[in-house]
Amino acid sequence: MSNVLAKRELENWFKAAAASLAGMSGLPEDLTVPANPEDGSGATWLTRQMQRKDRRRKYTKPADAVELAQRMDLQQCRDNAPSFNKLYRELEARLPRQPEATGPSGQAAPPTPDEGNPP
């Protein structure tokens, strides 16, 4: 068993993936990952960033967190937030791996066009 928590608050993970969230949920297009994204208040940082576009806008967890969580780049967050990287590693170690798809002969199936390869 393992316990993993966001350092300070969930919103700091959004800070760690900030570049991938540029232009979403009222965030500015030029958003970049701040230095030390796990420090300080992520919610306050998000509100300040949103207010760069609309000074009346405020980050609200119920309205914004779901979209940000769905759209954040997990690798970017792992690279910039040690607490998220720990969560990712713990989940990866505990969740079953997806079996590799195989063709009728038992060999690996060729990639499909929707996997990024031209037909």
PDB file of N, CA and C in Angstrom:
ATOM      1  N   MET A   1       0.844  -1.167   0.000  1.00  0.00           N
ATOM      2  CA  MET A   1       0.000   0.000   0.000  1.00  0.00           C
ATOM      3  C   MET A   1       0.894   1.236   0.000  1.00  0.00           C
ATOM      4  N   SER A   2       0.386   2.272  -0.631  1.00  0.00           N
ATOM      5  CA  SER A   2       1.150   3.506  -0.736  1.00  0.00           C
ATOM      6  C   SER A   2       0.215   4.693  -0.654  1.00  0.00           C
ATOM      7  N   ASN A   3       0.659   5.751  -0.031  1.00  0.00           N
ATOM      8  CA  ASN A   3      -0.069   7.016  -0.008  1.00  0.00           C
ATOM      9  C   ASN A   3       0.726   8.036  -0.789  1.00  0.00           C
ATOM     10  N   VAL A   4       0.077   8.687  -1.743  1.00  0.00           N
ATOM     11  CA  VAL A   4       0.727   9.739  -2.515  1.00  0.00           C
ATOM     12  C   VAL A   4      -0.225  10.918  -2.572  1.00  0.00           C
ATOM     13  N   LEU A   5       0.267  12.079  -2.211  1.00  0.00           N
ATOM     14  CA  LEU A   5      -0.533  13.298  -2.231  1.00  0.00           C
ATOM     15  C   LEU A   5       0.160  14.355  -3.072  1.00  0.00           C
ATOM     16  N   ALA A   6      -0.650  15.229  -3.654  1.00  0.00           N
ATOM     17  CA  ALA A   6      -0.080  16.387  -4.347  1.00  0.00           C
ATOM     18  C   ALA A   6       0.623  17.256  -3.305  1.00  0.00           C
ATOM     19  N   LYS A   7       1.761  17.813  -3.689  1.00  0.00           N
ATOM     20  CA  LYS A   7       2.427  18.736  -2.769  1.00  0.00           C
ATOM     21  C   LYS A   7       1.601  20.014  -2.726  1.00  0.00           C
ATOM     22  N   ARG A   8       1.095  20.343  -1.572  1.00  0.00           N
ATOM     23  CA  ARG A   8       0.234  21.493  -1.287  1.00  0.00           C
ATOM     24  C   ARG A   8      -1.182  21.288  -1.797  1.00  0.00           C
ATOM     25  N   GLU A   9      -1.384  21.190  -3.134  1.00  0.00           N
ATOM     26  CA  GLU A   9      -2.748  21.051  -3.661  1.00  0.00           C
ATOM     27  C   GLU A   9      -2.721  20.530  -5.091  1.00  0.00           C
ATOM     28  N   LEU A  10      -3.841  19.981  -5.506  1.00  0.00           N
ATOM     29  CA  LEU A  10      -4.002  19.433  -6.853  1.00  0.00           C
ATOM     30  C   LEU A  10      -3.604  20.442  -7.927  1.00  0.00           C
ATOM     31  N   GLU A  11      -3.966  21.689  -7.742  1.00  0.00           N
ATOM     32  CA  GLU A  11      -3.729  22.708  -8.764  1.00  0.00           C
ATOM     33  C   GLU A  11      -2.248  22.908  -9.075  1.00  0.00           C
ATOM     34  N   ASN A  12      -1.378  22.505  -8.171  1.00  0.00           N
ATOM     35  CA  ASN A  12       0.055  22.607  -8.475  1.00  0.00           C
ATOM     36  C   ASN A  12       0.445  21.654  -9.593  1.00  0.00           C
ATOM     37  N   TRP A  13      -0.293  20.570  -9.736  1.00  0.00           N
ATOM     38  CA  TRP A  13      -0.042  19.678 -10.866  1.00  0.00           C
ATOM     39  C   TRP A  13      -0.460  20.354 -12.170  1.00  0.00           C
ATOM     40  N   PHE A  14      -1.488  21.180 -12.136  1.00  0.00           N
ATOM     41  CA  PHE A  14      -1.852  21.943 -13.335  1.00  0.00           C
ATOM     42  C   PHE A  14      -0.742  22.936 -13.681  1.00  0.00           C
ATOM     43  N   LYS A  15      -0.140  23.539 -12.665  1.00  0.00           N
ATOM     44  CA  LYS A  15       1.003  24.432 -12.906  1.00  0.00           C
ATOM     45  C   LYS A  15       2.136  23.663 -13.586  1.00  0.00           C
ATOM     46  N   ALA A  16       2.362  22.424 -13.159  1.00  0.00           N
ATOM     47  CA  ALA A  16       3.455  21.618 -13.700  1.00  0.00           C
ATOM     48  C   ALA A  16       3.218  21.227 -15.157  1.00  0.00           C
ATOM     49  N   ALA A  17       1.967  21.240 -15.581  1.00  0.00           N
ATOM     50  CA  ALA A  17       1.625  20.912 -16.970  1.00  0.00           C
ATOM     51  C   ALA A  17       1.102  22.151 -17.705  1.00  0.00           C
ATOM     52  N   ALA A  18       1.456  23.320 -17.234  1.00  0.00           N
ATOM     53  CA  ALA A  18       0.869  24.577 -17.717  1.00  0.00           C
ATOM     54  C   ALA A  18       0.976  24.768 -19.220  1.00  0.00           C
ATOM     55  N   ALA A  19       2.113  24.468 -19.817  1.00  0.00           N
ATOM     56  CA  ALA A  19       2.272  24.710 -21.251  1.00  0.00           C
ATOM     57  C   ALA A  19       1.244  23.921 -22.059  1.00  0.00           C
ATOM     58  N   SER A  20       0.868  22.737 -21.580  1.00  0.00           N
ATOM     59  CA  SER A  20      -0.111  21.921 -22.304  1.00  0.00           C
ATOM     60  C   SER A  20      -1.537  22.436 -22.118  1.00  0.00           C
ATOM     61  N   LEU A  21      -1.743  23.353 -21.180  1.00  0.00           N
ATOM     62  CA  LEU A  21      -3.076  23.887 -20.896  1.00  0.00           C
ATOM     63  C   LEU A  21      -3.289  25.290 -21.462  1.00  0.00           C
ATOM     64  N   ALA A  22      -2.302  25.792 -22.184  1.00  0.00           N
ATOM     65  CA  ALA A  22      -2.399  27.144 -22.756  1.00  0.00           C
ATOM     66  C   ALA A  22      -3.647  27.267 -23.619  1.00  0.00           C
ATOM     67  N   GLY A  23      -4.409  28.337 -23.381  1.00  0.00           N
ATOM     68  CA  GLY A  23      -5.590  28.610 -24.175  1.00  0.00           C
ATOM     69  C   GLY A  23      -6.856  27.891 -23.718  1.00  0.00           C
ATOM     70  N   MET A  24      -6.777  27.075 -22.691  1.00  0.00           N
ATOM     71  CA  MET A  24      -7.940  26.330 -22.210  1.00  0.00           C
ATOM     72  C   MET A  24      -8.488  26.944 -20.928  1.00  0.00           C
ATOM     73  N   SER A  25      -9.774  26.827 -20.721  1.00  0.00           N
ATOM     74  CA  SER A  25     -10.437  27.295 -19.490  1.00  0.00           C
ATOM     75  C   SER A  25     -10.067  28.725 -19.117  1.00  0.00           C
ATOM     76  N   GLY A  26      -9.947  29.578 -20.090  1.00  0.00           N
ATOM     77  CA  GLY A  26      -9.646  30.974 -19.811  1.00  0.00           C
ATOM     78  C   GLY A  26      -8.182  31.268 -19.562  1.00  0.00           C
ATOM     79  N   LEU A  27      -7.307  30.293 -19.763  1.00  0.00           N
ATOM     80  CA  LEU A  27      -5.870  30.520 -19.574  1.00  0.00           C
ATOM     81  C   LEU A  27      -5.278  31.155 -20.827  1.00  0.00           C
ATOM     82  N   PRO A  28      -4.250  31.985 -20.673  1.00  0.00           N
ATOM     83  CA  PRO A  28      -3.653  32.653 -21.831  1.00  0.00           C
ATOM     84  C   PRO A  28      -2.932  31.668 -22.755  1.00  0.00           C
ATOM     85  N   GLU A  29      -2.801  32.050 -24.008  1.00  0.00           N
ATOM     86  CA  GLU A  29      -2.157  31.212 -25.031  1.00  0.00           C
ATOM     87  C   GLU A  29      -0.652  31.041 -24.788  1.00  0.00           C
ATOM     88  N   ASP A  30      -0.022  32.002 -24.119  1.00  0.00           N
ATOM     89  CA  ASP A  30       1.433  31.969 -23.933  1.00  0.00           C
ATOM     90  C   ASP A  30       1.834  31.369 -22.580  1.00  0.00           C
ATOM     91  N   LEU A  31       1.001  30.533 -22.025  1.00  0.00           N
ATOM     92  CA  LEU A  31       1.240  29.958 -20.701  1.00  0.00           C
ATOM     93  C   LEU A  31       2.458  29.043 -20.720  1.00  0.00           C
ATOM     94  N   THR A  32       3.317  29.192 -19.720  1.00  0.00           N
ATOM     95  CA  THR A  32       4.487  28.323 -19.583  1.00  0.00           C
ATOM     96  C   THR A  32       4.542  27.780 -18.156  1.00  0.00           C
ATOM     97  N   VAL A  33       5.312  26.730 -17.979  1.00  0.00           N
ATOM     98  CA  VAL A  33       5.479  26.127 -16.655  1.00  0.00           C
ATOM     99  C   VAL A  33       6.342  27.062 -15.808  1.00  0.00           C
ATOM    100  N   PRO A  34       5.862  27.464 -14.649  1.00  0.00           N
ATOM    101  CA  PRO A  34       6.678  28.330 -13.791  1.00  0.00           C
ATOM    102  C   PRO A  34       7.786  27.529 -13.111  1.00  0.00           C
ATOM    103  N   ALA A  35       8.797  28.231 -12.646  1.00  0.00           N
ATOM    104  CA  ALA A  35       9.845  27.580 -11.855  1.00  0.00           C
ATOM    105  C   ALA A  35       9.210  27.027 -10.582  1.00  0.00           C
ATOM    106  N   ASN A  36       9.624  25.865 -10.172  1.00  0.00           N
ATOM    107  CA  ASN A  36       9.132  25.234  -8.938  1.00  0.00           C
ATOM    108  C   ASN A  36       7.602  25.186  -8.876  1.00  0.00           C
ATOM    109  N   PRO A  37       6.953  24.510  -9.807  1.00  0.00           N
ATOM    110  CA  PRO A  37       5.489  24.532  -9.856  1.00  0.00           C
ATOM    111  C   PRO A  37       4.798  23.936  -8.641  1.00  0.00           C
ATOM    112  N   GLU A  38       5.478  23.134  -7.834  1.00  0.00           N
ATOM    113  CA  GLU A  38       4.840  22.559  -6.655  1.00  0.00           C
ATOM    114  C   GLU A  38       4.869  23.504  -5.450  1.00  0.00           C
ATOM    115  N   ASP A  39       5.559  24.617  -5.577  1.00  0.00           N
ATOM    116  CA  ASP A  39       5.602  25.599  -4.490  1.00  0.00           C
ATOM    117  C   ASP A  39       4.448  26.594  -4.646  1.00  0.00           C
ATOM    118  N   GLY A  40       3.996  27.150  -3.542  1.00  0.00           N
ATOM    119  CA  GLY A  40       2.949  28.163  -3.570  1.00  0.00           C
ATOM    120  C   GLY A  40       1.585  27.563  -3.841  1.00  0.00           C
ATOM    121  N   SER A  41       0.622  28.427  -4.006  1.00  0.00           N
ATOM    122  CA  SER A  41      -0.760  28.016  -4.254  1.00  0.00           C
ATOM    123  C   SER A  41      -1.037  27.922  -5.749  1.00  0.00           C
ATOM    124  N   GLY A  42      -1.351  26.728  -6.202  1.00  0.00           N
ATOM    125  CA  GLY A  42      -1.694  26.537  -7.606  1.00  0.00           C
ATOM    126  C   GLY A  42      -2.988  27.233  -7.979  1.00  0.00           C
ATOM    127  N   ALA A  43      -3.965  27.240  -7.067  1.00  0.00           N
ATOM    128  CA  ALA A  43      -5.246  27.890  -7.346  1.00  0.00           C
ATOM    129  C   ALA A  43      -5.060  29.398  -7.525  1.00  0.00           C
ATOM    130  N   THR A  44      -4.252  30.003  -6.676  1.00  0.00           N
ATOM    131  CA  THR A  44      -3.978  31.440  -6.802  1.00  0.00           C
ATOM    132  C   THR A  44      -3.243  31.720  -8.103  1.00  0.00           C
ATOM    133  N   TRP A  45      -2.283  30.895  -8.443  1.00  0.00           N
ATOM    134  CA  TRP A  45      -1.537  31.057  -9.689  1.00  0.00           C
ATOM    135  C   TRP A  45      -2.469  30.957 -10.891  1.00  0.00           C
ATOM    136  N   LEU A  46      -3.378  29.975 -10.870  1.00  0.00           N
ATOM    137  CA  LEU A  46      -4.327  29.824 -11.978  1.00  0.00           C
ATOM    138  C   LEU A  46      -5.225  31.050 -12.107  1.00  0.00           C
ATOM    139  N   THR A  47      -5.711  31.563 -10.997  1.00  0.00           N
ATOM    140  CA  THR A  47      -6.547  32.766 -11.034  1.00  0.00           C
ATOM    141  C   THR A  47      -5.767  33.925 -11.649  1.00  0.00           C
ATOM    142  N   ARG A  48      -4.537  34.118 -11.246  1.00  0.00           N
ATOM    143  CA  ARG A  48      -3.723  35.219 -11.806  1.00  0.00           C
ATOM    144  C   ARG A  48      -3.530  35.053 -13.307  1.00  0.00           C
ATOM    145  N   GLN A  49      -3.307  33.818 -13.738  1.00  0.00           N
ATOM    146  CA  GLN A  49      -3.116  33.584 -15.166  1.00  0.00           C
ATOM    147  C   GLN A  49      -4.406  33.857 -15.938  1.00  0.00           C
ATOM    148  N   MET A  50      -5.540  33.408 -15.392  1.00  0.00           N
ATOM    149  CA  MET A  50      -6.834  33.650 -16.046  1.00  0.00           C
ATOM    150  C   MET A  50      -7.149  35.137 -16.108  1.00  0.00           C
ATOM    151  N   GLN A  51      -6.739  35.882 -15.099  1.00  0.00           N
ATOM    152  CA  GLN A  51      -7.017  37.314 -15.053  1.00  0.00           C
ATOM    153  C   GLN A  51      -6.158  38.107 -16.031  1.00  0.00           C
ATOM    154  N   ARG A  52      -5.150  37.489 -16.589  1.00  0.00           N
ATOM    155  CA  ARG A  52      -4.388  38.148 -17.652  1.00  0.00           C
ATOM    156  C   ARG A  52      -5.278  38.353 -18.883  1.00  0.00           C
ATOM    157  N   LYS A  53      -6.259  37.459 -19.087  1.00  0.00           N
ATOM    158  CA  LYS A  53      -7.196  37.569 -20.216  1.00  0.00           C
ATOM    159  C   LYS A  53      -8.481  38.292 -19.821  1.00  0.00           C
ATOM    160  N   ASP A  54      -8.953  38.054 -18.617  1.00  0.00           N
ATOM    161  CA  ASP A  54     -10.217  38.638 -18.147  1.00  0.00           C
ATOM    162  C   ASP A  54     -10.050  38.935 -16.664  1.00  0.00           C
ATOM    163  N   ARG A  55      -9.934  40.200 -16.303  1.00  0.00           N
ATOM    164  CA  ARG A  55      -9.592  40.556 -14.927  1.00  0.00           C
ATOM    165  C   ARG A  55     -10.635  40.122 -13.906  1.00  0.00           C
ATOM    166  N   ARG A  56     -11.844  39.786 -14.349  1.00  0.00           N
ATOM    167  CA  ARG A  56     -12.885  39.328 -13.429  1.00  0.00           C
ATOM    168  C   ARG A  56     -12.896  37.811 -13.247  1.00  0.00           C
ATOM    169  N   ARG A  57     -12.139  37.121 -14.058  1.00  0.00           N
ATOM    170  CA  ARG A  57     -12.143  35.647 -14.050  1.00  0.00           C
ATOM    171  C   ARG A  57     -11.404  35.116 -12.838  1.00  0.00           C
ATOM    172  N   LYS A  58     -11.933  34.068 -12.226  1.00  0.00           N
ATOM    173  CA  LYS A  58     -11.279  33.385 -11.117  1.00  0.00           C
ATOM    174  C   LYS A  58     -11.310  31.888 -11.369  1.00  0.00           C
ATOM    175  N   TYR A  59     -10.273  31.226 -10.952  1.00  0.00           N
ATOM    176  CA  TYR A  59     -10.248  29.763 -11.018  1.00  0.00           C
ATOM    177  C   TYR A  59     -11.244  29.229 -10.002  1.00  0.00           C
ATOM    178  N   THR A  60     -12.099  28.326 -10.443  1.00  0.00           N
ATOM    179  CA  THR A  60     -13.003  27.633  -9.520  1.00  0.00           C
ATOM    180  C   THR A  60     -12.867  26.138  -9.773  1.00  0.00           C
ATOM    181  N   LYS A  61     -12.574  25.401  -8.731  1.00  0.00           N
ATOM    182  CA  LYS A  61     -12.319  23.969  -8.863  1.00  0.00           C
ATOM    183  C   LYS A  61     -13.471  23.240  -9.563  1.00  0.00           C
ATOM    184  N   PRO A  62     -14.738  23.432  -9.152  1.00  0.00           N
ATOM    185  CA  PRO A  62     -15.806  22.671  -9.814  1.00  0.00           C
ATOM    186  C   PRO A  62     -15.931  22.974 -11.306  1.00  0.00           C
ATOM    187  N   ALA A  63     -15.699  24.207 -11.688  1.00  0.00           N
ATOM    188  CA  ALA A  63     -15.875  24.593 -13.083  1.00  0.00           C
ATOM    189  C   ALA A  63     -14.652  24.301 -13.943  1.00  0.00           C
ATOM    190  N   ASP A  64     -13.468  24.373 -13.383  1.00  0.00           N
ATOM    191  CA  ASP A  64     -12.245  24.317 -14.191  1.00  0.00           C
ATOM    192  C   ASP A  64     -11.423  23.037 -14.047  1.00  0.00           C
ATOM    193  N   ALA A  65     -11.414  22.429 -12.891  1.00  0.00           N
ATOM    194  CA  ALA A  65     -10.491  21.317 -12.629  1.00  0.00           C
ATOM    195  C   ALA A  65     -10.718  20.120 -13.540  1.00  0.00           C
ATOM    196  N   VAL A  66     -11.962  19.792 -13.833  1.00  0.00           N
ATOM    197  CA  VAL A  66     -12.229  18.616 -14.669  1.00  0.00           C
ATOM    198  C   VAL A  66     -11.625  18.801 -16.052  1.00  0.00           C
ATOM    199  N   GLU A  67     -11.877  19.944 -16.676  1.00  0.00           N
ATOM    200  CA  GLU A  67     -11.324  20.179 -18.014  1.00  0.00           C
ATOM    201  C   GLU A  67      -9.798  20.198 -17.983  1.00  0.00           C
ATOM    202  N   LEU A  68      -9.216  20.861 -17.007  1.00  0.00           N
ATOM    203  CA  LEU A  68      -7.761  20.925 -16.932  1.00  0.00           C
ATOM    204  C   LEU A  68      -7.162  19.535 -16.721  1.00  0.00           C
ATOM    205  N   ALA A  69      -7.776  18.741 -15.861  1.00  0.00           N
ATOM    206  CA  ALA A  69      -7.271  17.386 -15.607  1.00  0.00           C
ATOM    207  C   ALA A  69      -7.378  16.504 -16.855  1.00  0.00           C
ATOM    208  N   GLN A  70      -8.459  16.662 -17.612  1.00  0.00           N
ATOM    209  CA  GLN A  70      -8.634  15.864 -18.827  1.00  0.00           C
ATOM    210  C   GLN A  70      -7.643  16.239 -19.918  1.00  0.00           C
ATOM    211  N   ARG A  71      -7.211  17.487 -19.926  1.00  0.00           N
ATOM    212  CA  ARG A  71      -6.384  17.976 -21.034  1.00  0.00           C
ATOM    213  C   ARG A  71      -4.900  18.123 -20.714  1.00  0.00           C
ATOM    214  N   MET A  72      -4.525  17.997 -19.454  1.00  0.00           N
ATOM    215  CA  MET A  72      -3.121  18.206 -19.111  1.00  0.00           C
ATOM    216  C   MET A  72      -2.230  17.098 -19.675  1.00  0.00           C
ATOM    217  N   ASP A  73      -1.035  17.472 -20.049  1.00  0.00           N
ATOM    218  CA  ASP A  73      -0.042  16.533 -20.556  1.00  0.00           C
ATOM    219  C   ASP A  73       0.590  15.819 -19.358  1.00  0.00           C
ATOM    220  N   LEU A  74       0.322  14.531 -19.229  1.00  0.00           N
ATOM    221  CA  LEU A  74       0.801  13.786 -18.066  1.00  0.00           C
ATOM    222  C   LEU A  74       2.322  13.703 -18.026  1.00  0.00           C
ATOM    223  N   GLN A  75       2.963  13.569 -19.177  1.00  0.00           N
ATOM    224  CA  GLN A  75       4.422  13.501 -19.181  1.00  0.00           C
ATOM    225  C   GLN A  75       5.023  14.828 -18.749  1.00  0.00           C
ATOM    226  N   GLN A  76       4.451  15.932 -19.211  1.00  0.00           N
ATOM    227  CA  GLN A  76       4.936  17.250 -18.794  1.00  0.00           C
ATOM    228  C   GLN A  76       4.776  17.415 -17.281  1.00  0.00           C
ATOM    229  N   CYS A  77       3.656  16.951 -16.764  1.00  0.00           N
ATOM    230  CA  CYS A  77       3.422  17.032 -15.322  1.00  0.00           C
ATOM    231  C   CYS A  77       4.426  16.154 -14.576  1.00  0.00           C
ATOM    232  N   ARG A  78       4.685  14.955 -15.067  1.00  0.00           N
ATOM    233  CA  ARG A  78       5.675  14.067 -14.438  1.00  0.00           C
ATOM    234  C   ARG A  78       7.055  14.715 -14.418  1.00  0.00           C
ATOM    235  N   ASP A  79       7.407  15.362 -15.515  1.00  0.00           N
ATOM    236  CA  ASP A  79       8.731  15.976 -15.632  1.00  0.00           C
ATOM    237  C   ASP A  79       8.919  17.145 -14.665  1.00  0.00           C
ATOM    238  N   ASN A  80       7.826  17.821 -14.311  1.00  0.00           N
ATOM    239  CA  ASN A  80       7.920  19.055 -13.524  1.00  0.00           C
ATOM    240  C   ASN A  80       7.410  18.959 -12.091  1.00  0.00           C
ATOM    241  N   ALA A  81       6.752  17.849 -11.745  1.00  0.00           N
ATOM    242  CA  ALA A  81       6.180  17.710 -10.399  1.00  0.00           C
ATOM    243  C   ALA A  81       6.561  16.355  -9.816  1.00  0.00           C
ATOM    244  N   PRO A  82       7.567  16.323  -8.953  1.00  0.00           N
ATOM    245  CA  PRO A  82       7.974  15.042  -8.362  1.00  0.00           C
ATOM    246  C   PRO A  82       6.836  14.288  -7.670  1.00  0.00           C
ATOM    247  N   SER A  83       5.895  14.997  -7.051  1.00  0.00           N
ATOM    248  CA  SER A  83       4.799  14.286  -6.381  1.00  0.00           C
ATOM    249  C   SER A  83       3.887  13.597  -7.398  1.00  0.00           C
ATOM    250  N   PHE A  84       3.660  14.221  -8.555  1.00  0.00           N
ATOM    251  CA  PHE A  84       2.846  13.575  -9.585  1.00  0.00           C
ATOM    252  C   PHE A  84       3.603  12.398 -10.187  1.00  0.00           C
ATOM    253  N   ASN A  85       4.888  12.559 -10.386  1.00  0.00           N
ATOM    254  CA  ASN A  85       5.693  11.462 -10.914  1.00  0.00           C
ATOM    255  C   ASN A  85       5.629  10.256  -9.972  1.00  0.00           C
ATOM    256  N   LYS A  86       5.664  10.498  -8.680  1.00  0.00           N
ATOM    257  CA  LYS A  86       5.541   9.410  -7.696  1.00  0.00           C
ATOM    258  C   LYS A  86       4.180   8.725  -7.822  1.00  0.00           C
ATOM    259  N   LEU A  87       3.104   9.506  -7.933  1.00  0.00           N
ATOM    260  CA  LEU A  87       1.770   8.936  -8.112  1.00  0.00           C
ATOM    261  C   LEU A  87       1.734   8.077  -9.371  1.00  0.00           C
ATOM    262  N   TYR A  88       2.258   8.580 -10.447  1.00  0.00           N
ATOM    263  CA  TYR A  88       2.256   7.860 -11.721  1.00  0.00           C
ATOM    264  C   TYR A  88       2.997   6.526 -11.582  1.00  0.00           C
ATOM    265  N   ARG A  89       4.174   6.570 -10.976  1.00  0.00           N
ATOM    266  CA  ARG A  89       4.959   5.332 -10.799  1.00  0.00           C
ATOM    267  C   ARG A  89       4.229   4.325  -9.920  1.00  0.00           C
ATOM    268  N   GLU A  90       3.599   4.804  -8.848  1.00  0.00           N
ATOM    269  CA  GLU A  90       2.861   3.908  -7.949  1.00  0.00           C
ATOM    270  C   GLU A  90       1.676   3.264  -8.672  1.00  0.00           C
ATOM    271  N   LEU A  91       0.943   4.045  -9.448  1.00  0.00           N
ATOM    272  CA  LEU A  91      -0.179   3.479 -10.204  1.00  0.00           C
ATOM    273  C   LEU A  91       0.302   2.503 -11.263  1.00  0.00           C
ATOM    274  N   GLU A  92       1.358   2.868 -11.947  1.00  0.00           N
ATOM    275  CA  GLU A  92       1.911   2.010 -12.987  1.00  0.00           C
ATOM    276  C   GLU A  92       2.343   0.653 -12.413  1.00  0.00           C
ATOM    277  N   ALA A  93       2.891   0.668 -11.209  1.00  0.00           N
ATOM    278  CA  ALA A  93       3.347  -0.575 -10.580  1.00  0.00           C
ATOM    279  C   ALA A  93       2.177  -1.448 -10.124  1.00  0.00           C
ATOM    280  N   ARG A  94       1.020  -0.860  -9.882  1.00  0.00           N
ATOM    281  CA  ARG A  94      -0.103  -1.598  -9.317  1.00  0.00           C
ATOM    282  C   ARG A  94      -1.197  -1.970 -10.310  1.00  0.00           C
ATOM    283  N   LEU A  95      -1.308  -1.225 -11.396  1.00  0.00           N
ATOM    284  CA  LEU A  95      -2.355  -1.502 -12.375  1.00  0.00           C
ATOM    285  C   LEU A  95      -1.879  -2.558 -13.367  1.00  0.00           C
ATOM    286  N   PRO A  96      -2.775  -3.440 -13.800  1.00  0.00           N
ATOM    287  CA  PRO A  96      -2.369  -4.458 -14.768  1.00  0.00           C
ATOM    288  C   PRO A  96      -1.998  -3.812 -16.095  1.00  0.00           C
ATOM    289  N   ARG A  97      -1.014  -4.374 -16.721  1.00  0.00           N
ATOM    290  CA  ARG A  97      -0.592  -3.878 -18.039  1.00  0.00           C
ATOM    291  C   ARG A  97      -1.566  -4.377 -19.095  1.00  0.00           C
ATOM    292  N   GLN A  98      -1.757  -3.569 -20.133  1.00  0.00           N
ATOM    293  CA  GLN A  98      -2.596  -3.973 -21.243  1.00  0.00           C
ATOM    294  C   GLN A  98      -1.830  -5.009 -22.063  1.00  0.00           C
ATOM    295  N   PRO A  99      -2.472  -6.131 -22.410  1.00  0.00           N
ATOM    296  CA  PRO A  99      -1.776  -7.115 -23.244  1.00  0.00           C
ATOM    297  C   PRO A  99      -1.531  -6.539 -24.631  1.00  0.00           C
ATOM    298  N   GLU A 100      -0.420  -6.948 -25.227  1.00  0.00           N
ATOM    299  CA  GLU A 100      -0.100  -6.478 -26.570  1.00  0.00           C
ATOM    300  C   GLU A 100      -1.044  -7.159 -27.553  1.00  0.00           C
ATOM    301  N   ALA A 101      -1.589  -6.373 -28.471  1.00  0.00           N
ATOM    302  CA  ALA A 101      -2.496  -6.929 -29.477  1.00  0.00           C
ATOM    303  C   ALA A 101      -1.729  -7.859 -30.404  1.00  0.00           C
ATOM    304  N   THR A 102      -2.311  -9.016 -30.693  1.00  0.00           N
ATOM    305  CA  THR A 102      -1.673  -9.967 -31.589  1.00  0.00           C
ATOM    306  C   THR A 102      -2.600 -10.305 -32.736  1.00  0.00           C
ATOM    307  N   GLY A 103      -2.016 -10.628 -33.854  1.00  0.00           N
ATOM    308  CA  GLY A 103      -2.777 -11.031 -35.033  1.00  0.00           C
ATOM    309  C   GLY A 103      -3.123 -12.505 -34.958  1.00  0.00           C
ATOM    310  N   PRO A 104      -3.792 -13.046 -36.003  1.00  0.00           N
ATOM    311  CA  PRO A 104      -4.217 -14.447 -35.990  1.00  0.00           C
ATOM    312  C   PRO A 104      -3.058 -15.432 -35.866  1.00  0.00           C
ATOM    313  N   SER A 105      -1.862 -15.070 -36.342  1.00  0.00           N
ATOM    314  CA  SER A 105      -0.720 -15.991 -36.286  1.00  0.00           C
ATOM    315  C   SER A 105       0.002 -15.933 -34.950  1.00  0.00           C
ATOM    316  N   GLY A 106      -0.481 -15.081 -34.031  1.00  0.00           N
ATOM    317  CA  GLY A 106       0.182 -14.943 -32.738  1.00  0.00           C
ATOM    318  C   GLY A 106       1.244 -13.876 -32.721  1.00  0.00           C
ATOM    319  N   GLN A 107       1.547 -13.303 -33.892  1.00  0.00           N
ATOM    320  CA  GLN A 107       2.524 -12.220 -33.953  1.00  0.00           C
ATOM    321  C   GLN A 107       1.833 -10.893 -33.654  1.00  0.00           C
ATOM    322  N   ALA A 108       2.636  -9.917 -33.295  1.00  0.00           N
ATOM    323  CA  ALA A 108       2.075  -8.592 -33.003  1.00  0.00           C
ATOM    324  C   ALA A 108       1.313  -8.081 -34.213  1.00  0.00           C
ATOM    325  N   ALA A 109       0.137  -7.562 -33.974  1.00  0.00           N
ATOM    326  CA  ALA A 109      -0.686  -7.013 -35.047  1.00  0.00           C
ATOM    327  C   ALA A 109      -0.040  -5.745 -35.577  1.00  0.00           C
ATOM    328  N   PRO A 110      -0.154  -5.495 -36.885  1.00  0.00           N
ATOM    329  CA  PRO A 110       0.416  -4.252 -37.427  1.00  0.00           C
ATOM    330  C   PRO A 110      -0.356  -3.057 -36.888  1.00  0.00           C
ATOM    331  N   PRO A 111       0.326  -1.901 -36.802  1.00  0.00           N
ATOM    332  CA  PRO A 111      -0.362  -0.705 -36.304  1.00  0.00           C
ATOM    333  C   PRO A 111      -1.506  -0.317 -37.229  1.00  0.00           C
ATOM    334  N   THR A 112      -2.548   0.243 -36.664  1.00  0.00           N
ATOM    335  CA  THR A 112      -3.668   0.718 -37.449  1.00  0.00           C
ATOM    336  C   THR A 112      -3.408   2.158 -37.881  1.00  0.00           C
ATOM    337  N   PRO A 113      -4.092   2.623 -38.942  1.00  0.00           N
ATOM    338  CA  PRO A 113      -3.859   4.006 -39.405  1.00  0.00           C
ATOM    339  C   PRO A 113      -4.112   5.058 -38.336  1.00  0.00           C
ATOM    340  N   ASP A 114      -5.041   4.822 -37.431  1.00  0.00           N
ATOM    341  CA  ASP A 114      -5.327   5.826 -36.397  1.00  0.00           C
ATOM    342  C   ASP A 114      -4.259   5.886 -35.329  1.00  0.00           C
ATOM    343  N   GLU A 115      -3.258   5.032 -35.378  1.00  0.00           N
ATOM    344  CA  GLU A 115      -2.143   5.068 -34.426  1.00  0.00           C
ATOM    345  C   GLU A 115      -1.026   5.973 -34.922  1.00  0.00           C
ATOM    346  N   GLY A 116      -1.295   6.774 -35.921  1.00  0.00           N
ATOM    347  CA  GLY A 116      -0.316   7.751 -36.373  1.00  0.00           C
ATOM    348  C   GLY A 116       0.480   7.320 -37.580  1.00  0.00           C
ATOM    349  N   ASN A 117       0.214   6.132 -38.121  1.00  0.00           N
ATOM    350  CA  ASN A 117       0.928   5.663 -39.306  1.00  0.00           C
ATOM    351  C   ASN A 117       0.033   5.819 -40.531  1.00  0.00           C
ATOM    352  N   PRO A 118       0.584   6.273 -41.645  1.00  0.00           N
ATOM    353  CA  PRO A 118      -0.245   6.418 -42.843  1.00  0.00           C
ATOM    354  C   PRO A 118      -0.722   5.040 -43.318  1.00  0.00           C
ATOM    355  N   PRO A 119      -1.878   4.988 -43.992  1.00  0.00           N
ATOM    356  CA  PRO A 119      -2.409   3.689 -44.460  1.00  0.00           C
ATOM    357  C   PRO A 119      -1.544   3.073 -45.524  1.00  0.00           C
TER     358      PRO A 119
END
